[in-house]
Amino acid sequence: MHTRRRVKGTDAVFGLRQLSKVEFARFSLSEHPHTPRLLRALGLAIRERREQRHLSRAELAAQTRVTAERIGALERGRSDPDYELLLALADALGVGVGALFTRAEALAQEDRRTGP
């Protein structure tokens, strides 16, 4: 049984670091200075992986015990996922939480290069 799981952050774009569950509980994405971009990029990473796995929002929602509307809000960057939801999403999507943040970092960098 794991007593301490870690979330790999994205140092280059968002200034995050590895967070334990306890640290994550104290850390809200909504308090992060790059929140809008971070949430949009994380949402895009979730959507991209969901589509790669050929899952509907409803199917992902059922696996993570949230509503399809919440999944949609997460994918649009309009919802701040808690630690347990991030773990559930990563598990349902067949990746680690770190992989979601790593992909979010890459998407944010692409957005920065092509954005205004």
N, C-alpha and C. Protein backbone atom coordinates (compact mmCIF):
# COMPACT_ATOMS: atom_id res chain seq x y z
N MET A 1 0.84 -1.18 0.00
CA MET A 1 0.00 0.00 0.00
C MET A 1 0.88 1.24 0.00
N HIS A 2 0.53 2.19 -0.85
CA HIS A 2 1.30 3.42 -0.92
C HIS A 2 0.80 4.39 0.13
N THR A 3 1.69 4.88 0.94
CA THR A 3 1.30 5.86 1.93
C THR A 3 1.61 7.28 1.46
N ARG A 4 2.48 7.38 0.47
CA ARG A 4 2.86 8.70 -0.03
C ARG A 4 3.03 8.63 -1.53
N ARG A 5 2.17 9.29 -2.26
CA ARG A 5 2.28 9.36 -3.71
C ARG A 5 2.73 10.75 -4.07
N ARG A 6 3.43 10.87 -5.16
CA ARG A 6 3.95 12.15 -5.57
C ARG A 6 3.35 12.58 -6.90
N VAL A 7 3.18 13.87 -7.05
CA VAL A 7 2.69 14.47 -8.28
C VAL A 7 3.86 15.20 -8.91
N LYS A 8 4.22 14.83 -10.12
CA LYS A 8 5.33 15.49 -10.80
C LYS A 8 4.83 16.81 -11.35
N GLY A 9 5.45 17.89 -10.96
CA GLY A 9 5.08 19.21 -11.44
C GLY A 9 5.78 19.54 -12.74
N THR A 10 5.61 20.76 -13.18
CA THR A 10 6.20 21.18 -14.44
C THR A 10 7.01 22.44 -14.19
N ASP A 11 8.25 22.25 -13.81
CA ASP A 11 9.10 23.36 -13.41
C ASP A 11 9.27 24.43 -14.48
N ALA A 12 9.45 24.05 -15.73
CA ALA A 12 9.81 25.01 -16.77
C ALA A 12 8.73 26.05 -17.02
N VAL A 13 7.49 25.64 -17.05
CA VAL A 13 6.43 26.59 -17.40
C VAL A 13 5.71 27.11 -16.16
N PHE A 14 5.41 26.24 -15.24
CA PHE A 14 4.52 26.64 -14.14
C PHE A 14 5.21 26.80 -12.79
N GLY A 15 6.49 26.45 -12.70
CA GLY A 15 7.20 26.62 -11.45
C GLY A 15 6.73 25.66 -10.37
N LEU A 16 6.16 24.53 -10.74
CA LEU A 16 5.73 23.55 -9.76
C LEU A 16 6.87 22.60 -9.47
N ARG A 17 6.74 21.84 -8.42
CA ARG A 17 7.73 20.83 -8.09
C ARG A 17 6.98 19.58 -7.66
N GLN A 18 7.71 18.55 -7.28
CA GLN A 18 7.07 17.33 -6.82
C GLN A 18 6.29 17.64 -5.55
N LEU A 19 5.07 17.20 -5.50
CA LEU A 19 4.23 17.45 -4.34
C LEU A 19 3.73 16.14 -3.76
N SER A 20 3.81 16.00 -2.45
CA SER A 20 3.19 14.85 -1.81
C SER A 20 1.70 15.12 -1.69
N LYS A 21 0.94 14.12 -1.30
CA LYS A 21 -0.50 14.30 -1.13
C LYS A 21 -0.79 15.39 -0.10
N VAL A 22 -0.05 15.41 0.99
CA VAL A 22 -0.27 16.42 2.02
C VAL A 22 0.04 17.81 1.48
N GLU A 23 1.15 17.93 0.76
CA GLU A 23 1.50 19.22 0.17
C GLU A 23 0.45 19.64 -0.86
N PHE A 24 -0.01 18.69 -1.67
CA PHE A 24 -1.01 19.01 -2.69
C PHE A 24 -2.30 19.47 -2.04
N ALA A 25 -2.65 18.86 -0.90
CA ALA A 25 -3.88 19.24 -0.20
C ALA A 25 -3.82 20.71 0.20
N ARG A 26 -2.63 21.21 0.48
CA ARG A 26 -2.47 22.62 0.86
C ARG A 26 -2.33 23.52 -0.37
N PHE A 27 -2.03 22.92 -1.51
CA PHE A 27 -1.77 23.66 -2.73
C PHE A 27 -2.99 23.60 -3.63
N SER A 28 -3.54 24.73 -3.95
CA SER A 28 -4.68 24.78 -4.86
C SER A 28 -4.20 25.34 -6.19
N LEU A 29 -4.58 24.68 -7.28
CA LEU A 29 -4.20 25.20 -8.59
C LEU A 29 -4.74 26.60 -8.79
N SER A 30 -5.87 26.90 -8.14
CA SER A 30 -6.47 28.22 -8.31
C SER A 30 -5.62 29.32 -7.68
N GLU A 31 -4.67 28.95 -6.80
CA GLU A 31 -3.79 29.94 -6.17
C GLU A 31 -2.49 30.11 -6.94
N HIS A 32 -2.27 29.30 -7.95
CA HIS A 32 -1.03 29.36 -8.71
C HIS A 32 -1.05 30.59 -9.62
N PRO A 33 0.08 31.30 -9.76
CA PRO A 33 0.08 32.52 -10.56
C PRO A 33 -0.25 32.32 -12.04
N HIS A 34 -0.05 31.12 -12.56
CA HIS A 34 -0.33 30.85 -13.97
C HIS A 34 -1.62 30.03 -14.13
N THR A 35 -2.54 30.18 -13.20
CA THR A 35 -3.72 29.33 -13.15
C THR A 35 -4.48 29.21 -14.45
N PRO A 36 -4.89 30.29 -15.11
CA PRO A 36 -5.69 30.09 -16.33
C PRO A 36 -4.97 29.24 -17.37
N ARG A 37 -3.70 29.54 -17.61
CA ARG A 37 -2.95 28.78 -18.60
C ARG A 37 -2.70 27.35 -18.12
N LEU A 38 -2.41 27.18 -16.84
CA LEU A 38 -2.19 25.86 -16.28
C LEU A 38 -3.44 25.00 -16.39
N LEU A 39 -4.58 25.54 -16.02
CA LEU A 39 -5.82 24.75 -16.08
C LEU A 39 -6.22 24.44 -17.52
N ARG A 40 -6.04 25.39 -18.44
CA ARG A 40 -6.34 25.12 -19.85
C ARG A 40 -5.45 24.02 -20.40
N ALA A 41 -4.16 24.12 -20.11
CA ALA A 41 -3.21 23.13 -20.62
C ALA A 41 -3.47 21.75 -20.01
N LEU A 42 -3.75 21.70 -18.72
CA LEU A 42 -4.07 20.43 -18.08
C LEU A 42 -5.35 19.84 -18.67
N GLY A 43 -6.33 20.69 -18.90
CA GLY A 43 -7.58 20.23 -19.52
C GLY A 43 -7.37 19.68 -20.91
N LEU A 44 -6.53 20.34 -21.69
CA LEU A 44 -6.22 19.85 -23.03
C LEU A 44 -5.51 18.50 -22.97
N ALA A 45 -4.61 18.35 -21.99
CA ALA A 45 -3.91 17.07 -21.84
C ALA A 45 -4.88 15.96 -21.47
N ILE A 46 -5.83 16.27 -20.61
CA ILE A 46 -6.84 15.27 -20.21
C ILE A 46 -7.70 14.90 -21.41
N ARG A 47 -8.18 15.91 -22.15
CA ARG A 47 -9.01 15.65 -23.33
C ARG A 47 -8.25 14.82 -24.37
N GLU A 48 -7.02 15.22 -24.63
CA GLU A 48 -6.20 14.52 -25.62
C GLU A 48 -6.05 13.04 -25.24
N ARG A 49 -5.74 12.77 -24.00
CA ARG A 49 -5.56 11.39 -23.56
C ARG A 49 -6.89 10.63 -23.57
N ARG A 50 -7.98 11.29 -23.19
CA ARG A 50 -9.30 10.65 -23.22
C ARG A 50 -9.64 10.23 -24.64
N GLU A 51 -9.39 11.12 -25.59
CA GLU A 51 -9.69 10.81 -26.98
C GLU A 51 -8.78 9.72 -27.52
N GLN A 52 -7.52 9.70 -27.10
CA GLN A 52 -6.61 8.62 -27.51
C GLN A 52 -7.12 7.26 -27.02
N ARG A 53 -7.75 7.26 -25.86
CA ARG A 53 -8.27 6.02 -25.28
C ARG A 53 -9.68 5.70 -25.78
N HIS A 54 -10.20 6.55 -26.66
CA HIS A 54 -11.54 6.37 -27.24
C HIS A 54 -12.61 6.30 -26.15
N LEU A 55 -12.51 7.20 -25.18
CA LEU A 55 -13.49 7.28 -24.11
C LEU A 55 -14.36 8.52 -24.31
N SER A 56 -15.62 8.39 -24.03
CA SER A 56 -16.50 9.56 -24.02
C SER A 56 -16.33 10.25 -22.67
N ARG A 57 -16.82 11.46 -22.58
CA ARG A 57 -16.78 12.15 -21.27
C ARG A 57 -17.58 11.36 -20.25
N ALA A 58 -18.70 10.81 -20.66
CA ALA A 58 -19.54 10.04 -19.74
C ALA A 58 -18.81 8.80 -19.23
N GLU A 59 -18.07 8.13 -20.12
CA GLU A 59 -17.33 6.94 -19.71
C GLU A 59 -16.21 7.30 -18.73
N LEU A 60 -15.49 8.39 -19.01
CA LEU A 60 -14.45 8.82 -18.10
C LEU A 60 -15.05 9.27 -16.77
N ALA A 61 -16.17 9.94 -16.83
CA ALA A 61 -16.85 10.38 -15.61
C ALA A 61 -17.25 9.19 -14.74
N ALA A 62 -17.78 8.15 -15.37
CA ALA A 62 -18.18 6.97 -14.61
C ALA A 62 -16.98 6.31 -13.93
N GLN A 63 -15.85 6.30 -14.61
CA GLN A 63 -14.65 5.69 -14.04
C GLN A 63 -14.05 6.52 -12.91
N THR A 64 -14.30 7.80 -12.92
CA THR A 64 -13.72 8.69 -11.91
C THR A 64 -14.73 9.17 -10.88
N ARG A 65 -15.96 8.73 -11.03
CA ARG A 65 -17.04 9.05 -10.09
C ARG A 65 -17.34 10.55 -9.97
N VAL A 66 -17.30 11.22 -11.13
CA VAL A 66 -17.75 12.60 -11.24
C VAL A 66 -18.73 12.66 -12.40
N THR A 67 -19.30 13.81 -12.64
CA THR A 67 -20.25 13.94 -13.75
C THR A 67 -19.53 14.23 -15.06
N ALA A 68 -20.21 13.96 -16.15
CA ALA A 68 -19.65 14.28 -17.47
C ALA A 68 -19.48 15.80 -17.59
N GLU A 69 -20.34 16.57 -16.94
CA GLU A 69 -20.22 18.02 -16.96
C GLU A 69 -18.93 18.47 -16.27
N ARG A 70 -18.57 17.79 -15.19
CA ARG A 70 -17.31 18.12 -14.49
C ARG A 70 -16.12 17.80 -15.39
N ILE A 71 -16.19 16.67 -16.09
CA ILE A 71 -15.11 16.33 -17.02
C ILE A 71 -14.98 17.42 -18.09
N GLY A 72 -16.12 17.85 -18.62
CA GLY A 72 -16.11 18.92 -19.62
C GLY A 72 -15.52 20.21 -19.07
N ALA A 73 -15.88 20.55 -17.85
CA ALA A 73 -15.33 21.76 -17.22
C ALA A 73 -13.83 21.64 -17.01
N LEU A 74 -13.37 20.46 -16.62
CA LEU A 74 -11.93 20.22 -16.45
C LEU A 74 -11.21 20.38 -17.78
N GLU A 75 -11.78 19.79 -18.82
CA GLU A 75 -11.14 19.84 -20.14
C GLU A 75 -11.09 21.26 -20.71
N ARG A 76 -12.03 22.09 -20.31
CA ARG A 76 -12.03 23.49 -20.77
C ARG A 76 -11.22 24.41 -19.85
N GLY A 77 -10.66 23.85 -18.78
CA GLY A 77 -9.88 24.64 -17.85
C GLY A 77 -10.72 25.50 -16.93
N ARG A 78 -11.95 25.10 -16.72
CA ARG A 78 -12.88 25.88 -15.89
C ARG A 78 -13.10 25.27 -14.51
N SER A 79 -12.38 24.21 -14.21
CA SER A 79 -12.53 23.54 -12.93
C SER A 79 -11.15 23.18 -12.40
N ASP A 80 -10.98 23.28 -11.12
CA ASP A 80 -9.72 23.03 -10.43
C ASP A 80 -9.79 21.64 -9.80
N PRO A 81 -9.11 20.64 -10.38
CA PRO A 81 -9.21 19.28 -9.84
C PRO A 81 -8.45 19.14 -8.52
N ASP A 82 -9.02 18.36 -7.60
CA ASP A 82 -8.29 18.08 -6.37
C ASP A 82 -7.38 16.87 -6.60
N TYR A 83 -6.59 16.58 -5.60
CA TYR A 83 -5.58 15.52 -5.70
C TYR A 83 -6.21 14.17 -6.03
N GLU A 84 -7.27 13.82 -5.32
CA GLU A 84 -7.90 12.51 -5.53
C GLU A 84 -8.47 12.40 -6.94
N LEU A 85 -9.04 13.48 -7.46
CA LEU A 85 -9.57 13.45 -8.83
C LEU A 85 -8.44 13.32 -9.84
N LEU A 86 -7.33 14.01 -9.62
CA LEU A 86 -6.19 13.86 -10.52
C LEU A 86 -5.69 12.41 -10.55
N LEU A 87 -5.63 11.79 -9.39
CA LEU A 87 -5.22 10.38 -9.33
C LEU A 87 -6.20 9.50 -10.08
N ALA A 88 -7.49 9.73 -9.87
CA ALA A 88 -8.53 8.94 -10.54
C ALA A 88 -8.48 9.14 -12.06
N LEU A 89 -8.31 10.38 -12.49
CA LEU A 89 -8.22 10.67 -13.92
C LEU A 89 -7.01 9.97 -14.54
N ALA A 90 -5.87 10.12 -13.90
CA ALA A 90 -4.66 9.50 -14.42
C ALA A 90 -4.82 7.99 -14.51
N ASP A 91 -5.40 7.39 -13.49
CA ASP A 91 -5.61 5.95 -13.49
C ASP A 91 -6.55 5.54 -14.62
N ALA A 92 -7.66 6.25 -14.77
CA ALA A 92 -8.63 5.92 -15.82
C ALA A 92 -8.05 6.13 -17.22
N LEU A 93 -7.12 7.08 -17.33
CA LEU A 93 -6.52 7.38 -18.63
C LEU A 93 -5.27 6.56 -18.89
N GLY A 94 -4.88 5.74 -17.93
CA GLY A 94 -3.74 4.84 -18.13
C GLY A 94 -2.39 5.53 -18.12
N VAL A 95 -2.29 6.64 -17.41
CA VAL A 95 -1.02 7.37 -17.29
C VAL A 95 -0.83 7.79 -15.83
N GLY A 96 0.34 8.28 -15.53
CA GLY A 96 0.59 8.84 -14.21
C GLY A 96 0.19 10.30 -14.19
N VAL A 97 0.01 10.83 -13.00
CA VAL A 97 -0.30 12.25 -12.86
C VAL A 97 0.83 13.09 -13.46
N GLY A 98 2.04 12.64 -13.25
CA GLY A 98 3.20 13.35 -13.81
C GLY A 98 3.12 13.45 -15.32
N ALA A 99 2.66 12.38 -15.96
CA ALA A 99 2.54 12.40 -17.42
C ALA A 99 1.50 13.43 -17.88
N LEU A 100 0.43 13.59 -17.12
CA LEU A 100 -0.57 14.61 -17.47
C LEU A 100 0.06 16.00 -17.38
N PHE A 101 0.81 16.25 -16.30
CA PHE A 101 1.43 17.56 -16.15
C PHE A 101 2.54 17.78 -17.18
N THR A 102 3.27 16.72 -17.51
CA THR A 102 4.31 16.85 -18.52
C THR A 102 3.70 17.21 -19.87
N ARG A 103 2.59 16.55 -20.22
CA ARG A 103 1.92 16.87 -21.48
C ARG A 103 1.32 18.28 -21.41
N ALA A 104 0.78 18.66 -20.27
CA ALA A 104 0.23 20.00 -20.12
C ALA A 104 1.32 21.04 -20.32
N GLU A 105 2.51 20.76 -19.81
CA GLU A 105 3.64 21.68 -20.00
C GLU A 105 3.95 21.83 -21.48
N ALA A 106 4.01 20.72 -22.20
CA ALA A 106 4.30 20.77 -23.63
C ALA A 106 3.22 21.55 -24.38
N LEU A 107 1.97 21.32 -24.04
CA LEU A 107 0.87 22.04 -24.69
C LEU A 107 0.93 23.53 -24.38
N ALA A 108 1.27 23.87 -23.15
CA ALA A 108 1.38 25.29 -22.77
C ALA A 108 2.52 25.96 -23.53
N GLN A 109 3.62 25.25 -23.70
CA GLN A 109 4.74 25.82 -24.44
C GLN A 109 4.36 26.02 -25.90
N GLU A 110 3.64 25.07 -26.49
CA GLU A 110 3.17 25.23 -27.86
C GLU A 110 2.25 26.43 -27.97
N ASP A 111 1.36 26.58 -26.99
CA ASP A 111 0.41 27.69 -26.97
C ASP A 111 1.15 29.01 -26.85
N ARG A 112 2.18 29.03 -26.05
CA ARG A 112 2.96 30.25 -25.88
C ARG A 112 3.68 30.65 -27.16
N ARG A 113 4.15 29.66 -27.90
CA ARG A 113 4.85 29.95 -29.16
C ARG A 113 3.90 30.41 -30.25
N THR A 114 2.69 29.87 -30.26
CA THR A 114 1.74 30.20 -31.33
C THR A 114 0.74 31.26 -30.93
N GLY A 115 0.63 31.54 -29.62
CA GLY A 115 -0.36 32.51 -29.15
C GLY A 115 0.08 33.94 -29.37
N PRO A 116 -0.80 34.88 -28.99
CA PRO A 116 -0.50 36.30 -29.19
C PRO A 116 0.66 36.80 -28.36
